[in-house]
Every structure is written in C-alpha cells, then in structure tokens.
PDB file of all heavy atoms in Angstrom:
ATOM      1  N   MET A   1     -90.189 137.911 287.768  1.00  0.00           N
ATOM      2  CA  MET A   1     -91.495 138.339 288.362  1.00  0.00           C
ATOM      3  C   MET A   1     -91.262 139.456 289.299  1.00  0.00           C
ATOM      4  O   MET A   1     -92.166 140.477 289.526  1.00  0.00           O
ATOM      5  CB  MET A   1     -92.158 137.084 289.050  1.00  0.00           C
ATOM      6  CG  MET A   1     -92.701 136.139 288.071  1.00  0.00           C
ATOM      7  SD  MET A   1     -93.350 134.651 288.951  1.00  0.00           S
ATOM      8  CE  MET A   1     -94.723 135.306 289.743  1.00  0.00           C
ATOM      9  N   GLU A   2     -90.332 139.263 290.266  1.00  0.00           N
ATOM     10  CA  GLU A   2     -89.980 140.459 291.297  1.00  0.00           C
ATOM     11  C   GLU A   2     -89.747 141.721 290.711  1.00  0.00           C
ATOM     12  O   GLU A   2     -90.244 142.716 291.106  1.00  0.00           O
ATOM     13  CB  GLU A   2     -88.874 139.987 292.243  1.00  0.00           C
ATOM     14  CG  GLU A   2     -89.375 138.753 293.143  1.00  0.00           C
ATOM     15  CD  GLU A   2     -88.140 138.243 293.959  1.00  0.00           C
ATOM     16  OE1 GLU A   2     -87.006 138.788 293.826  1.00  0.00           O
ATOM     17  OE2 GLU A   2     -88.330 137.322 294.736  1.00  0.00           O
ATOM     18  N   LEU A   3     -88.788 141.741 289.559  1.00  0.00           N
ATOM     19  CA  LEU A   3     -88.407 142.919 289.068  1.00  0.00           C
ATOM     20  C   LEU A   3     -89.644 143.571 288.272  1.00  0.00           C
ATOM     21  O   LEU A   3     -89.746 144.841 288.387  1.00  0.00           O
ATOM     22  CB  LEU A   3     -87.223 142.675 288.112  1.00  0.00           C
ATOM     23  CG  LEU A   3     -86.315 143.845 287.814  1.00  0.00           C
ATOM     24  CD1 LEU A   3     -85.748 144.486 289.037  1.00  0.00           C
ATOM     25  CD2 LEU A   3     -85.172 143.359 286.875  1.00  0.00           C
ATOM     26  N   ALA A   4     -90.271 142.791 287.526  1.00  0.00           N
ATOM     27  CA  ALA A   4     -91.409 143.317 286.776  1.00  0.00           C
ATOM     28  C   ALA A   4     -92.553 143.887 287.627  1.00  0.00           C
ATOM     29  O   ALA A   4     -93.138 144.867 287.437  1.00  0.00           O
ATOM     30  CB  ALA A   4     -91.964 142.412 285.719  1.00  0.00           C
ATOM     31  N   GLY A   5     -92.673 143.153 288.751  1.00  0.00           N
ATOM     32  CA  GLY A   5     -93.736 143.544 289.683  1.00  0.00           C
ATOM     33  C   GLY A   5     -93.467 144.927 290.296  1.00  0.00           C
ATOM     34  O   GLY A   5     -94.248 145.776 290.412  1.00  0.00           O
ATOM     35  N   GLU A   6     -92.182 145.101 290.639  1.00  0.00           N
ATOM     36  CA  GLU A   6     -91.803 146.468 291.316  1.00  0.00           C
ATOM     37  C   GLU A   6     -91.768 147.459 290.150  1.00  0.00           C
ATOM     38  O   GLU A   6     -92.239 148.615 290.436  1.00  0.00           O
ATOM     39  CB  GLU A   6     -90.426 146.264 291.924  1.00  0.00           C
ATOM     40  CG  GLU A   6     -89.945 147.515 292.481  1.00  0.00           C
ATOM     41  CD  GLU A   6     -88.649 147.519 293.346  1.00  0.00           C
ATOM     42  OE1 GLU A   6     -88.398 146.382 293.688  1.00  0.00           O
ATOM     43  OE2 GLU A   6     -88.068 148.387 293.669  1.00  0.00           O
ATOM     44  N   ALA A   7     -91.320 147.114 289.012  1.00  0.00           N
ATOM     45  CA  ALA A   7     -91.427 148.211 287.868  1.00  0.00           C
ATOM     46  C   ALA A   7     -92.923 148.608 287.675  1.00  0.00           C
ATOM     47  O   ALA A   7     -93.129 149.826 287.401  1.00  0.00           O
ATOM     48  CB  ALA A   7     -90.849 147.515 286.681  1.00  0.00           C
ATOM     49  N   ARG A   8     -93.749 147.641 287.590  1.00  0.00           N
ATOM     50  CA  ARG A   8     -95.210 148.040 287.372  1.00  0.00           C
ATOM     51  C   ARG A   8     -95.730 148.946 288.432  1.00  0.00           C
ATOM     52  O   ARG A   8     -96.287 149.979 288.149  1.00  0.00           O
ATOM     53  CB  ARG A   8     -96.033 146.734 287.450  1.00  0.00           C
ATOM     54  CG  ARG A   8     -97.460 146.980 287.179  1.00  0.00           C
ATOM     55  CD  ARG A   8     -98.246 145.696 287.240  1.00  0.00           C
ATOM     56  NE  ARG A   8     -99.707 145.858 286.945  1.00  0.00           N
ATOM     57  CZ  ARG A   8    -100.251 145.952 285.782  1.00  0.00           C
ATOM     58  NH1 ARG A   8     -99.525 145.629 284.743  1.00  0.00           N
ATOM     59  NH2 ARG A   8    -101.526 146.245 285.650  1.00  0.00           N
ATOM     60  N   GLU A   9     -95.344 148.718 289.721  1.00  0.00           N
ATOM     61  CA  GLU A   9     -95.926 149.593 290.776  1.00  0.00           C
ATOM     62  C   GLU A   9     -95.176 150.989 290.640  1.00  0.00           C
ATOM     63  O   GLU A   9     -95.912 151.961 290.932  1.00  0.00           O
ATOM     64  CB  GLU A   9     -95.471 148.986 292.228  1.00  0.00           C
ATOM     65  CG  GLU A   9     -96.308 147.612 292.400  1.00  0.00           C
ATOM     66  CD  GLU A   9     -95.868 147.010 293.815  1.00  0.00           C
ATOM     67  OE1 GLU A   9     -95.007 147.654 294.444  1.00  0.00           O
ATOM     68  OE2 GLU A   9     -96.346 145.942 294.097  1.00  0.00           O
ATOM     69  N   ARG A  10     -93.919 151.017 290.501  1.00  0.00           N
ATOM     70  CA  ARG A  10     -93.239 152.335 290.441  1.00  0.00           C
ATOM     71  C   ARG A  10     -93.670 153.175 289.228  1.00  0.00           C
ATOM     72  O   ARG A  10     -93.857 154.319 289.339  1.00  0.00           O
ATOM     73  CB  ARG A  10     -91.789 151.974 290.478  1.00  0.00           C
ATOM     74  CG  ARG A  10     -91.309 151.479 291.781  1.00  0.00           C
ATOM     75  CD  ARG A  10     -89.884 151.055 291.740  1.00  0.00           C
ATOM     76  NE  ARG A  10     -88.854 152.175 291.644  1.00  0.00           N
ATOM     77  CZ  ARG A  10     -87.592 152.203 291.794  1.00  0.00           C
ATOM     78  NH1 ARG A  10     -87.058 150.967 292.076  1.00  0.00           N
ATOM     79  NH2 ARG A  10     -86.913 153.291 291.724  1.00  0.00           N
ATOM     80  N   LEU A  11     -93.854 152.494 288.133  1.00  0.00           N
ATOM     81  CA  LEU A  11     -94.260 153.289 286.921  1.00  0.00           C
ATOM     82  C   LEU A  11     -95.676 153.805 287.043  1.00  0.00           C
ATOM     83  O   LEU A  11     -96.004 154.900 286.757  1.00  0.00           O
ATOM     84  CB  LEU A  11     -94.096 152.433 285.675  1.00  0.00           C
ATOM     85  CG  LEU A  11     -92.656 151.952 285.269  1.00  0.00           C
ATOM     86  CD1 LEU A  11     -92.646 151.289 283.960  1.00  0.00           C
ATOM     87  CD2 LEU A  11     -91.727 153.152 285.204  1.00  0.00           C
ATOM     88  N   ALA A  12     -96.595 153.020 287.569  1.00  0.00           N
ATOM     89  CA  ALA A  12     -97.981 153.395 287.802  1.00  0.00           C
ATOM     90  C   ALA A  12     -98.190 154.384 288.555  1.00  0.00           C
ATOM     91  O   ALA A  12     -99.203 155.131 288.549  1.00  0.00           O
ATOM     92  CB  ALA A  12     -98.882 152.176 288.084  1.00  0.00           C
ATOM     93  N   ALA A  13     -97.202 154.698 289.544  1.00  0.00           N
ATOM     94  CA  ALA A  13     -97.276 155.761 290.524  1.00  0.00           C
ATOM     95  C   ALA A  13     -96.916 157.053 289.930  1.00  0.00           C
ATOM     96  O   ALA A  13     -97.115 158.140 290.518  1.00  0.00           O
ATOM     97  CB  ALA A  13     -96.304 155.519 291.730  1.00  0.00           C
ATOM     98  N   ILE A  14     -96.344 157.100 288.837  1.00  0.00           N
ATOM     99  CA  ILE A  14     -95.893 158.367 288.092  1.00  0.00           C
ATOM    100  C   ILE A  14     -97.180 158.987 287.379  1.00  0.00           C
ATOM    101  O   ILE A  14     -97.813 158.294 286.620  1.00  0.00           O
ATOM    102  CB  ILE A  14     -94.863 158.065 287.012  1.00  0.00           C
ATOM    103  CG1 ILE A  14     -93.546 157.572 287.757  1.00  0.00           C
ATOM    104  CG2 ILE A  14     -94.521 159.311 286.313  1.00  0.00           C
ATOM    105  CD1 ILE A  14     -92.510 157.233 286.818  1.00  0.00           C
ATOM    106  N   PRO A  15     -97.462 160.231 287.636  1.00  0.00           N
ATOM    107  CA  PRO A  15     -98.641 160.919 287.101  1.00  0.00           C
ATOM    108  C   PRO A  15     -98.773 160.813 285.630  1.00  0.00           C
ATOM    109  O   PRO A  15     -97.620 161.116 284.893  1.00  0.00           O
ATOM    110  CB  PRO A  15     -98.610 162.302 287.526  1.00  0.00           C
ATOM    111  CG  PRO A  15     -97.733 162.232 288.719  1.00  0.00           C
ATOM    112  CD  PRO A  15     -96.811 161.199 288.527  1.00  0.00           C
ATOM    113  N   GLY A  16     -99.840 160.328 284.938  1.00  0.00           N
ATOM    114  CA  GLY A  16     -99.920 160.348 283.553  1.00  0.00           C
ATOM    115  C   GLY A  16     -99.632 158.929 282.863  1.00  0.00           C
ATOM    116  O   GLY A  16     -99.686 158.774 281.782  1.00  0.00           O
ATOM    117  N   VAL A  17     -98.943 158.064 283.648  1.00  0.00           N
ATOM    118  CA  VAL A  17     -98.505 156.760 283.159  1.00  0.00           C
ATOM    119  C   VAL A  17     -99.488 155.822 283.284  1.00  0.00           C
ATOM    120  O   VAL A  17    -100.001 155.525 284.360  1.00  0.00           O
ATOM    121  CB  VAL A  17     -97.106 156.316 283.795  1.00  0.00           C
ATOM    122  CG1 VAL A  17     -96.758 154.929 283.331  1.00  0.00           C
ATOM    123  CG2 VAL A  17     -96.005 157.358 283.613  1.00  0.00           C
ATOM    124  N   THR A  18     -99.905 155.082 282.182  1.00  0.00           N
ATOM    125  CA  THR A  18    -100.732 153.947 282.166  1.00  0.00           C
ATOM    126  C   THR A  18     -99.975 152.656 281.878  1.00  0.00           C
ATOM    127  O   THR A  18     -99.268 152.624 280.931  1.00  0.00           O
ATOM    128  CB  THR A  18    -101.844 154.154 281.188  1.00  0.00           C
ATOM    129  OG1 THR A  18    -102.688 155.344 281.372  1.00  0.00           O
ATOM    130  CG2 THR A  18    -102.786 152.959 281.095  1.00  0.00           C
ATOM    131  N   VAL A  19    -100.186 151.727 282.709  1.00  0.00           N
ATOM    132  CA  VAL A  19     -99.464 150.395 282.540  1.00  0.00           C
ATOM    133  C   VAL A  19    -100.447 149.435 282.062  1.00  0.00           C
ATOM    134  O   VAL A  19    -101.484 149.330 282.615  1.00  0.00           O
ATOM    135  CB  VAL A  19     -98.710 149.976 283.874  1.00  0.00           C
ATOM    136  CG1 VAL A  19     -98.024 148.684 283.828  1.00  0.00           C
ATOM    137  CG2 VAL A  19     -97.764 151.021 284.365  1.00  0.00           C
ATOM    138  N   TYR A  20     -99.934 148.527 281.239  1.00  0.00           N
ATOM    139  CA  TYR A  20    -100.916 147.496 280.645  1.00  0.00           C
ATOM    140  C   TYR A  20    -100.358 146.091 281.144  1.00  0.00           C
ATOM    141  O   TYR A  20     -99.292 145.907 281.523  1.00  0.00           O
ATOM    142  CB  TYR A  20    -100.909 147.547 279.139  1.00  0.00           C
ATOM    143  CG  TYR A  20    -101.069 148.932 278.577  1.00  0.00           C
ATOM    144  CD1 TYR A  20     -99.986 149.765 278.105  1.00  0.00           C
ATOM    145  CD2 TYR A  20    -102.283 149.560 278.585  1.00  0.00           C
ATOM    146  CE1 TYR A  20    -100.156 150.969 277.522  1.00  0.00           C
ATOM    147  CE2 TYR A  20    -102.536 150.866 278.140  1.00  0.00           C
ATOM    148  CZ  TYR A  20    -101.436 151.587 277.578  1.00  0.00           C
ATOM    149  OH  TYR A  20    -101.714 152.832 277.142  1.00  0.00           O
ATOM    150  N   GLY A  21    -101.236 145.207 280.950  1.00  0.00           N
ATOM    151  CA  GLY A  21    -100.958 143.767 281.274  1.00  0.00           C
ATOM    152  C   GLY A  21    -101.528 143.316 282.546  1.00  0.00           C
ATOM    153  O   GLY A  21    -102.327 143.973 283.253  1.00  0.00           O
ATOM    154  N   PRO A  22    -101.111 142.051 282.929  1.00  0.00           N
ATOM    155  CA  PRO A  22    -101.774 141.334 284.063  1.00  0.00           C
ATOM    156  C   PRO A  22    -101.407 142.105 285.425  1.00  0.00           C
ATOM    157  O   PRO A  22    -100.364 142.524 285.603  1.00  0.00           O
ATOM    158  CB  PRO A  22    -101.145 139.968 284.032  1.00  0.00           C
ATOM    159  CG  PRO A  22    -100.515 139.864 282.663  1.00  0.00           C
ATOM    160  CD  PRO A  22    -100.224 141.158 282.228  1.00  0.00           C
ATOM    161  N   THR A  23    -102.455 142.090 286.366  1.00  0.00           N
ATOM    162  CA  THR A  23    -102.191 142.588 287.679  1.00  0.00           C
ATOM    163  C   THR A  23    -101.809 141.435 288.555  1.00  0.00           C
ATOM    164  O   THR A  23    -101.295 141.608 289.660  1.00  0.00           O
ATOM    165  CB  THR A  23    -103.523 143.298 288.107  1.00  0.00           C
ATOM    166  OG1 THR A  23    -104.656 142.362 288.027  1.00  0.00           O
ATOM    167  CG2 THR A  23    -103.793 144.505 287.361  1.00  0.00           C
ATOM    168  N   ILE A  24    -102.129 140.208 288.317  1.00  0.00           N
ATOM    169  CA  ILE A  24    -101.759 139.083 289.103  1.00  0.00           C
ATOM    170  C   ILE A  24    -100.343 138.657 288.775  1.00  0.00           C
ATOM    171  O   ILE A  24     -99.995 138.338 287.622  1.00  0.00           O
ATOM    172  CB  ILE A  24    -102.798 138.023 288.899  1.00  0.00           C
ATOM    173  CG1 ILE A  24    -104.206 138.314 289.152  1.00  0.00           C
ATOM    174  CG2 ILE A  24    -102.351 136.713 289.658  1.00  0.00           C
ATOM    175  CD1 ILE A  24    -105.212 137.282 288.732  1.00  0.00           C
TER     176      ILE A  24
END
C-alpha cells in the first residue's frame, strides 16, 4: 500500500500521465 500510494502520487505529477484505479 505504501509503495503503490507513493508511485501513484509521483506518476500523476508527471505531465501527460493519467493514473487509473482507486484513490482511497
């Protein structure tokens, strides 16, 4: 959970990247 949560935040911050899946 910790690793995926950080990955989600870091990838979403890259211009043009759309991340899918739960936000909770």
